[in-house]
Amino acid sequence: MTTNHSEALSEVSGITLQSMDHAAGHYENFPVASVILPRHLRVPIALIYSFARQADDFADEGDFTVEQRLRALNGFRDELDLLQAYIKPQTAFFATLGAMIRSRKLPFMPFYDLLDAFSQDVSKIRYQNHEEILDYCSRSANPIGRLLLHLYDAATPENIELSDNICSALQIINFLQDIAIDFKKNDGKQRIYMCQDELSRFGVTEQQIAGYVNASAPVDSHWQQFMQFNLQRVHALLTAGKPLGRILKGRIGFEMRMIIAGGERIIAKISRVNGDVFNHRPTLNWMDWLLILTKALLKI
């Protein structure tokens, strides 16, 4: 790693092993080393999430310039390169991560894919169609699921396909619930993960979205129809991966069923408010968690 990259890592994040605790409470797409999981998996999973959370923060958080964000992400890439080459990394975090990767025989490519997706977040703020969104999900979300399957010794082709469906669905659900949050990111350039061709098809303009975000206009029937279309599609994608919750056994399978049920619950909440995530961003309360727990226990 060059001196500039080392400085960037320190400048942007101050990476330490304590960042694992930060990741555990901050990464939304997936559960993080919960007490449900077997004890021997909690530290490896926390390390994976810490890597993902820190890299995601490089792309999204703080008041850093584009150059600073990309330099920090490139610093992470350089650390991965050192690990792959069996060379000692320059940070304590990557030394710990590398030891875990080696001991658990994890592939490196999912880590590189995550960095590629987060680098894309810095520069790409519009997505033309659903294929582009799925391509992004294949690098921003699916790698986490694949790494978990490797940890579970369950990375069969069938399970990977099911996991990819679940992870992509969860990523898109996050896009749908966080439209207003994403719109305010990227130095005021309004990042929109909604498909441009579908916004046009349903008669929704970016000016309208700005009005929804700023609470200067209520959502109309065009937006409601657009959101219902997206909710139905993402529900079908999540359902396509649902068998994985029954294939995986024990506490791991239970955790997966909790994840899926949580995604279903968020979809239901967005649908109930006719897609008005601007005034009613979905949150899970104790009744929701009780329903999620019941579905996971009953495998439904």
Protein backbone atom coordinates (compact mmCIF):
# COMPACT_ATOMS: atom_id res chain seq x y z
CA MET A 1 0.00 0.00 0.00
CA THR A 2 1.31 3.46 -0.79
CA THR A 3 1.76 6.12 1.87
CA ASN A 4 -1.13 8.11 0.40
CA HIS A 5 -3.48 5.16 0.78
CA SER A 6 -2.39 4.58 4.36
CA GLU A 7 -3.03 8.24 5.13
CA ALA A 8 -6.43 8.03 3.46
CA LEU A 9 -7.44 5.09 5.63
CA SER A 10 -6.51 7.05 8.73
CA GLU A 11 -8.00 10.31 7.48
CA VAL A 12 -11.40 9.00 6.53
CA SER A 13 -12.14 6.34 9.09
CA GLY A 14 -9.51 5.88 11.79
CA ILE A 15 -9.95 2.14 11.35
CA THR A 16 -9.66 0.09 14.53
CA LEU A 17 -10.99 -3.21 15.74
CA GLN A 18 -13.57 -1.24 17.74
CA SER A 19 -15.25 -0.44 14.42
CA MET A 20 -16.73 -3.93 14.59
CA ASP A 21 -19.07 -2.65 17.30
CA HIS A 22 -20.05 0.25 15.05
CA ALA A 23 -20.81 -2.14 12.21
CA ALA A 24 -22.98 -4.32 14.38
CA GLY A 25 -25.42 -1.49 14.96
CA HIS A 26 -25.22 0.21 11.61
CA TYR A 27 -25.48 -2.17 8.66
CA GLU A 28 -29.11 -2.55 7.66
CA ASN A 29 -29.28 -5.19 4.95
CA PHE A 30 -28.35 -8.19 7.06
CA PRO A 31 -28.26 -9.37 10.66
CA VAL A 32 -24.94 -8.90 12.40
CA ALA A 33 -23.58 -11.67 14.61
CA SER A 34 -26.77 -11.91 16.66
CA VAL A 35 -27.10 -14.12 19.71
CA ILE A 36 -29.17 -16.49 17.60
CA LEU A 37 -26.11 -17.54 15.62
CA PRO A 38 -23.63 -20.15 16.88
CA ARG A 39 -20.92 -18.50 18.99
CA HIS A 40 -18.07 -19.58 16.70
CA LEU A 41 -19.58 -17.61 13.81
CA ARG A 42 -20.19 -14.30 15.56
CA VAL A 43 -16.68 -12.85 15.29
CA PRO A 44 -16.18 -13.86 11.61
CA ILE A 45 -19.55 -12.36 10.70
CA ALA A 46 -18.84 -9.18 12.67
CA LEU A 47 -15.56 -8.81 10.77
CA ILE A 48 -17.31 -9.19 7.42
CA TYR A 49 -19.93 -6.63 8.37
CA SER A 50 -17.30 -4.26 9.71
CA PHE A 51 -15.48 -4.40 6.38
CA ALA A 52 -18.73 -3.73 4.50
CA ARG A 53 -19.90 -0.97 6.84
CA GLN A 54 -16.61 0.90 6.83
CA ALA A 55 -16.34 0.73 3.04
CA ASP A 56 -19.96 1.82 2.65
CA ASP A 57 -19.32 4.76 4.97
CA PHE A 58 -16.41 5.82 2.78
CA ALA A 59 -18.87 6.17 -0.10
CA ASP A 60 -21.73 7.79 1.81
CA GLU A 61 -20.95 9.36 5.16
CA GLY A 62 -19.26 12.58 6.23
CA ASP A 63 -18.22 15.63 4.24
CA PHE A 64 -15.38 14.09 2.29
CA THR A 65 -14.59 14.84 -1.32
CA VAL A 66 -15.02 12.35 -4.14
CA GLU A 67 -11.25 11.99 -4.30
CA GLN A 68 -11.00 11.24 -0.57
CA ARG A 69 -13.75 8.64 -0.78
CA LEU A 70 -12.18 6.83 -3.73
CA ARG A 71 -8.73 7.01 -2.15
CA ALA A 72 -10.02 5.35 1.01
CA LEU A 73 -11.73 2.60 -0.98
CA ASN A 74 -8.55 2.06 -2.98
CA GLY A 75 -6.72 1.78 0.32
CA PHE A 76 -8.97 -1.13 1.24
CA ARG A 77 -8.27 -2.72 -2.15
CA ASP A 78 -4.56 -2.44 -1.55
CA GLU A 79 -4.92 -4.13 1.81
CA LEU A 80 -6.83 -6.99 0.18
CA ASP A 81 -4.08 -7.25 -2.44
CA LEU A 82 -1.51 -7.63 0.33
CA LEU A 83 -3.57 -10.33 2.00
CA GLN A 84 -3.93 -12.25 -1.24
CA ALA A 85 -0.18 -12.04 -1.80
CA TYR A 86 0.51 -13.34 1.74
CA ILE A 87 2.07 -10.00 2.66
CA LYS A 88 1.42 -8.43 6.05
CA PRO A 89 -1.25 -5.69 5.76
CA GLN A 90 -0.67 -2.21 7.15
CA THR A 91 -3.64 -2.03 9.55
CA ALA A 92 -4.61 -4.12 12.56
CA PHE A 93 -8.13 -4.54 11.21
CA PHE A 94 -6.94 -6.17 8.00
CA ALA A 95 -4.49 -8.37 9.88
CA THR A 96 -7.42 -9.71 11.89
CA LEU A 97 -9.66 -9.94 8.83
CA GLY A 98 -6.96 -11.75 6.85
CA ALA A 99 -6.40 -14.31 9.58
CA MET A 100 -10.13 -15.03 9.62
CA ILE A 101 -10.33 -15.31 5.82
CA ARG A 102 -7.47 -17.81 5.81
CA SER A 103 -8.77 -19.88 8.70
CA ARG A 104 -12.28 -20.02 7.26
CA LYS A 105 -11.08 -20.51 3.66
CA LEU A 106 -13.23 -17.66 2.38
CA PRO A 107 -12.93 -16.37 -1.19
CA PHE A 108 -11.53 -12.87 -1.71
CA MET A 109 -13.69 -11.91 -4.68
CA PRO A 110 -16.80 -11.01 -2.63
CA PHE A 111 -14.74 -8.44 -0.71
CA TYR A 112 -13.50 -6.90 -3.97
CA ASP A 113 -17.07 -6.90 -5.33
CA LEU A 114 -18.27 -4.91 -2.32
CA LEU A 115 -15.55 -2.30 -2.87
CA ASP A 116 -16.49 -2.09 -6.54
CA ALA A 117 -20.13 -1.41 -5.65
CA PHE A 118 -19.26 1.24 -3.08
CA SER A 119 -16.90 2.93 -5.53
CA GLN A 120 -19.78 2.99 -8.00
CA ASP A 121 -21.90 4.77 -5.40
CA VAL A 122 -19.44 7.66 -5.43
CA SER A 123 -19.72 8.25 -9.18
CA LYS A 124 -23.00 6.77 -10.43
CA ILE A 125 -26.22 8.45 -9.32
CA ARG A 126 -28.75 7.22 -11.91
CA TYR A 127 -29.82 3.74 -13.01
CA GLN A 128 -31.46 3.35 -16.39
CA ASN A 129 -33.26 0.04 -15.88
CA HIS A 130 -33.81 -2.91 -13.57
CA GLU A 131 -30.91 -4.84 -15.07
CA GLU A 132 -28.53 -2.11 -13.91
CA ILE A 133 -30.02 -2.25 -10.42
CA LEU A 134 -29.61 -6.03 -10.25
CA ASP A 135 -26.04 -5.70 -11.47
CA TYR A 136 -25.35 -3.29 -8.62
CA CYS A 137 -27.02 -5.64 -6.12
CA SER A 138 -24.83 -8.49 -7.36
CA ARG A 139 -21.86 -6.55 -5.98
CA SER A 140 -23.34 -4.53 -3.11
CA ALA A 141 -25.45 -7.19 -1.38
CA ASN A 142 -25.05 -10.67 -2.84
CA PRO A 143 -21.37 -10.99 -1.77
CA ILE A 144 -22.40 -10.83 1.89
CA GLY A 145 -24.79 -13.73 1.47
CA ARG A 146 -22.20 -15.74 -0.41
CA LEU A 147 -19.60 -15.18 2.31
CA LEU A 148 -22.09 -16.29 4.95
CA LEU A 149 -22.84 -19.47 3.01
CA HIS A 150 -19.12 -20.22 2.91
CA LEU A 151 -18.96 -19.71 6.67
CA TYR A 152 -21.90 -22.10 7.05
CA ASP A 153 -20.25 -24.71 4.76
CA ALA A 154 -23.39 -24.45 2.63
CA ALA A 155 -22.16 -22.65 -0.52
CA THR A 156 -23.77 -24.99 -3.05
CA PRO A 157 -24.84 -23.59 -6.44
CA GLU A 158 -28.51 -23.95 -5.46
CA ASN A 159 -28.03 -22.17 -2.14
CA ILE A 160 -26.02 -19.39 -3.76
CA GLU A 161 -28.81 -18.72 -6.25
CA LEU A 162 -31.39 -18.59 -3.45
CA SER A 163 -29.15 -16.36 -1.36
CA ASP A 164 -28.59 -13.99 -4.27
CA ASN A 165 -32.36 -13.61 -4.65
CA ILE A 166 -32.75 -12.81 -0.95
CA CYS A 167 -29.84 -10.39 -0.80
CA SER A 168 -30.84 -8.52 -3.95
CA ALA A 169 -34.40 -8.26 -2.65
CA LEU A 170 -33.22 -6.89 0.69
CA GLN A 171 -31.04 -4.33 -1.06
CA ILE A 172 -33.94 -3.17 -3.22
CA ILE A 173 -36.24 -3.01 -0.18
CA ASN A 174 -33.67 -0.69 1.39
CA PHE A 175 -33.71 1.43 -1.76
CA LEU A 176 -37.50 1.69 -1.60
CA GLN A 177 -37.65 2.67 2.07
CA ASP A 178 -34.68 5.07 1.83
CA ILE A 179 -35.59 7.01 -1.31
CA ALA A 180 -35.58 10.32 0.56
CA ILE A 181 -32.32 9.56 2.37
CA ASP A 182 -30.51 8.55 -0.84
CA PHE A 183 -31.89 11.60 -2.66
CA LYS A 184 -30.01 13.85 -0.25
CA LYS A 185 -26.69 12.02 -0.61
CA ASN A 186 -23.74 12.42 -2.97
CA ASP A 187 -22.98 16.08 -2.33
CA GLY A 188 -26.48 17.25 -3.20
CA LYS A 189 -26.53 15.51 -6.58
CA GLN A 190 -29.63 13.50 -5.67
CA ARG A 191 -28.79 9.82 -5.94
CA ILE A 192 -31.78 7.88 -7.29
CA TYR A 193 -31.77 4.08 -7.31
CA MET A 194 -35.21 3.95 -8.93
CA CYS A 195 -35.14 2.85 -12.59
CA GLN A 196 -35.26 5.82 -14.95
CA ASP A 197 -37.23 3.96 -17.62
CA GLU A 198 -39.88 2.91 -15.08
CA LEU A 199 -40.19 6.38 -13.57
CA SER A 200 -40.88 7.62 -17.09
CA ARG A 201 -43.36 4.82 -17.76
CA PHE A 202 -45.37 5.68 -14.65
CA GLY A 203 -45.19 9.42 -15.26
CA VAL A 204 -43.00 10.32 -12.28
CA THR A 205 -40.46 13.12 -12.68
CA GLU A 206 -37.42 13.93 -10.58
CA GLN A 207 -38.99 17.28 -9.80
CA GLN A 208 -41.91 15.42 -8.24
CA ILE A 209 -39.56 13.28 -6.16
CA ALA A 210 -37.86 16.46 -4.94
CA GLY A 211 -41.27 17.76 -3.93
CA TYR A 212 -42.02 14.57 -2.00
CA VAL A 213 -38.63 14.70 -0.27
CA ASN A 214 -39.08 18.37 0.69
CA ALA A 215 -42.68 17.81 1.79
CA SER A 216 -43.85 20.46 -0.66
CA ALA A 217 -46.19 18.05 -2.48
CA PRO A 218 -48.15 14.92 -1.49
CA VAL A 219 -47.56 11.67 -3.35
CA ASP A 220 -50.01 11.16 -6.23
CA SER A 221 -51.50 8.15 -7.96
CA HIS A 222 -48.58 7.91 -10.40
CA TRP A 223 -46.12 7.48 -7.54
CA GLN A 224 -48.41 5.03 -5.76
CA GLN A 225 -48.69 2.87 -8.87
CA PHE A 226 -44.93 3.05 -9.41
CA MET A 227 -44.27 1.89 -5.86
CA GLN A 228 -46.83 -0.92 -5.97
CA PHE A 229 -45.17 -2.21 -9.13
CA ASN A 230 -41.80 -2.21 -7.39
CA LEU A 231 -43.16 -3.79 -4.22
CA GLN A 232 -44.76 -6.64 -6.12
CA ARG A 233 -41.57 -7.32 -8.05
CA VAL A 234 -39.29 -7.26 -5.02
CA HIS A 235 -41.72 -9.47 -3.08
CA ALA A 236 -41.53 -12.03 -5.88
CA LEU A 237 -37.73 -11.90 -5.76
CA LEU A 238 -37.67 -12.37 -1.99
CA THR A 239 -40.13 -15.26 -2.28
CA ALA A 240 -37.89 -16.88 -4.90
CA GLY A 241 -35.13 -17.12 -2.30
CA LYS A 242 -37.38 -18.15 0.59
CA PRO A 243 -36.65 -21.92 0.40
CA LEU A 244 -33.15 -21.20 1.73
CA GLY A 245 -34.67 -20.56 5.16
CA ARG A 246 -35.84 -24.16 5.25
CA ILE A 247 -32.76 -25.67 3.61
CA LEU A 248 -30.36 -24.21 6.19
CA LYS A 249 -30.67 -26.09 9.46
CA GLY A 250 -30.64 -25.12 13.10
CA ARG A 251 -30.04 -21.60 14.34
CA ILE A 252 -28.62 -20.53 10.98
CA GLY A 253 -31.84 -21.47 9.22
CA PHE A 254 -33.86 -19.72 11.92
CA GLU A 255 -31.82 -16.54 11.46
CA MET A 256 -32.39 -16.68 7.71
CA ARG A 257 -36.15 -17.08 8.18
CA MET A 258 -36.10 -14.05 10.49
CA ILE A 259 -34.35 -12.03 7.77
CA ILE A 260 -36.88 -13.04 5.13
CA ALA A 261 -39.86 -12.38 7.39
CA GLY A 262 -38.41 -8.97 8.24
CA GLY A 263 -38.16 -8.11 4.56
CA GLU A 264 -41.74 -9.22 4.01
CA ARG A 265 -42.87 -7.05 6.89
CA ILE A 266 -41.18 -3.94 5.48
CA ILE A 267 -42.82 -4.56 2.10
CA ALA A 268 -46.22 -4.84 3.80
CA LYS A 269 -45.69 -1.60 5.72
CA ILE A 270 -44.70 0.35 2.61
CA SER A 271 -47.68 -1.05 0.74
CA ARG A 272 -50.04 -0.10 3.59
CA VAL A 273 -49.12 3.59 3.23
CA ASN A 274 -49.43 3.44 -0.59
CA GLY A 275 -45.71 3.92 -1.07
CA ASP A 276 -45.47 7.18 0.87
CA VAL A 277 -42.05 6.46 2.39
CA PHE A 278 -41.40 10.19 2.57
CA ASN A 279 -43.84 10.72 5.43
CA HIS A 280 -44.05 7.13 6.67
CA ARG A 281 -40.64 5.47 6.50
CA PRO A 282 -41.27 1.93 7.78
CA THR A 283 -39.86 0.87 11.14
CA LEU A 284 -40.35 -2.42 12.95
CA ASN A 285 -42.05 -2.32 16.36
CA TRP A 286 -42.46 -5.05 18.97
CA MET A 287 -45.61 -6.37 17.30
CA ASP A 288 -43.76 -6.68 14.01
CA TRP A 289 -40.93 -8.55 15.70
CA LEU A 290 -43.43 -10.88 17.35
CA LEU A 291 -44.91 -11.67 13.93
CA ILE A 292 -41.44 -12.13 12.44
CA LEU A 293 -40.46 -14.48 15.26
CA THR A 294 -43.65 -16.49 14.86
CA LYS A 295 -43.18 -16.90 11.10
CA ALA A 296 -39.57 -17.95 11.60
CA LEU A 297 -40.51 -20.53 14.23
CA LEU A 298 -43.36 -21.95 12.17
CA LYS A 299 -41.30 -21.84 8.94
CA ILE A 300 -44.00 -19.92 7.04
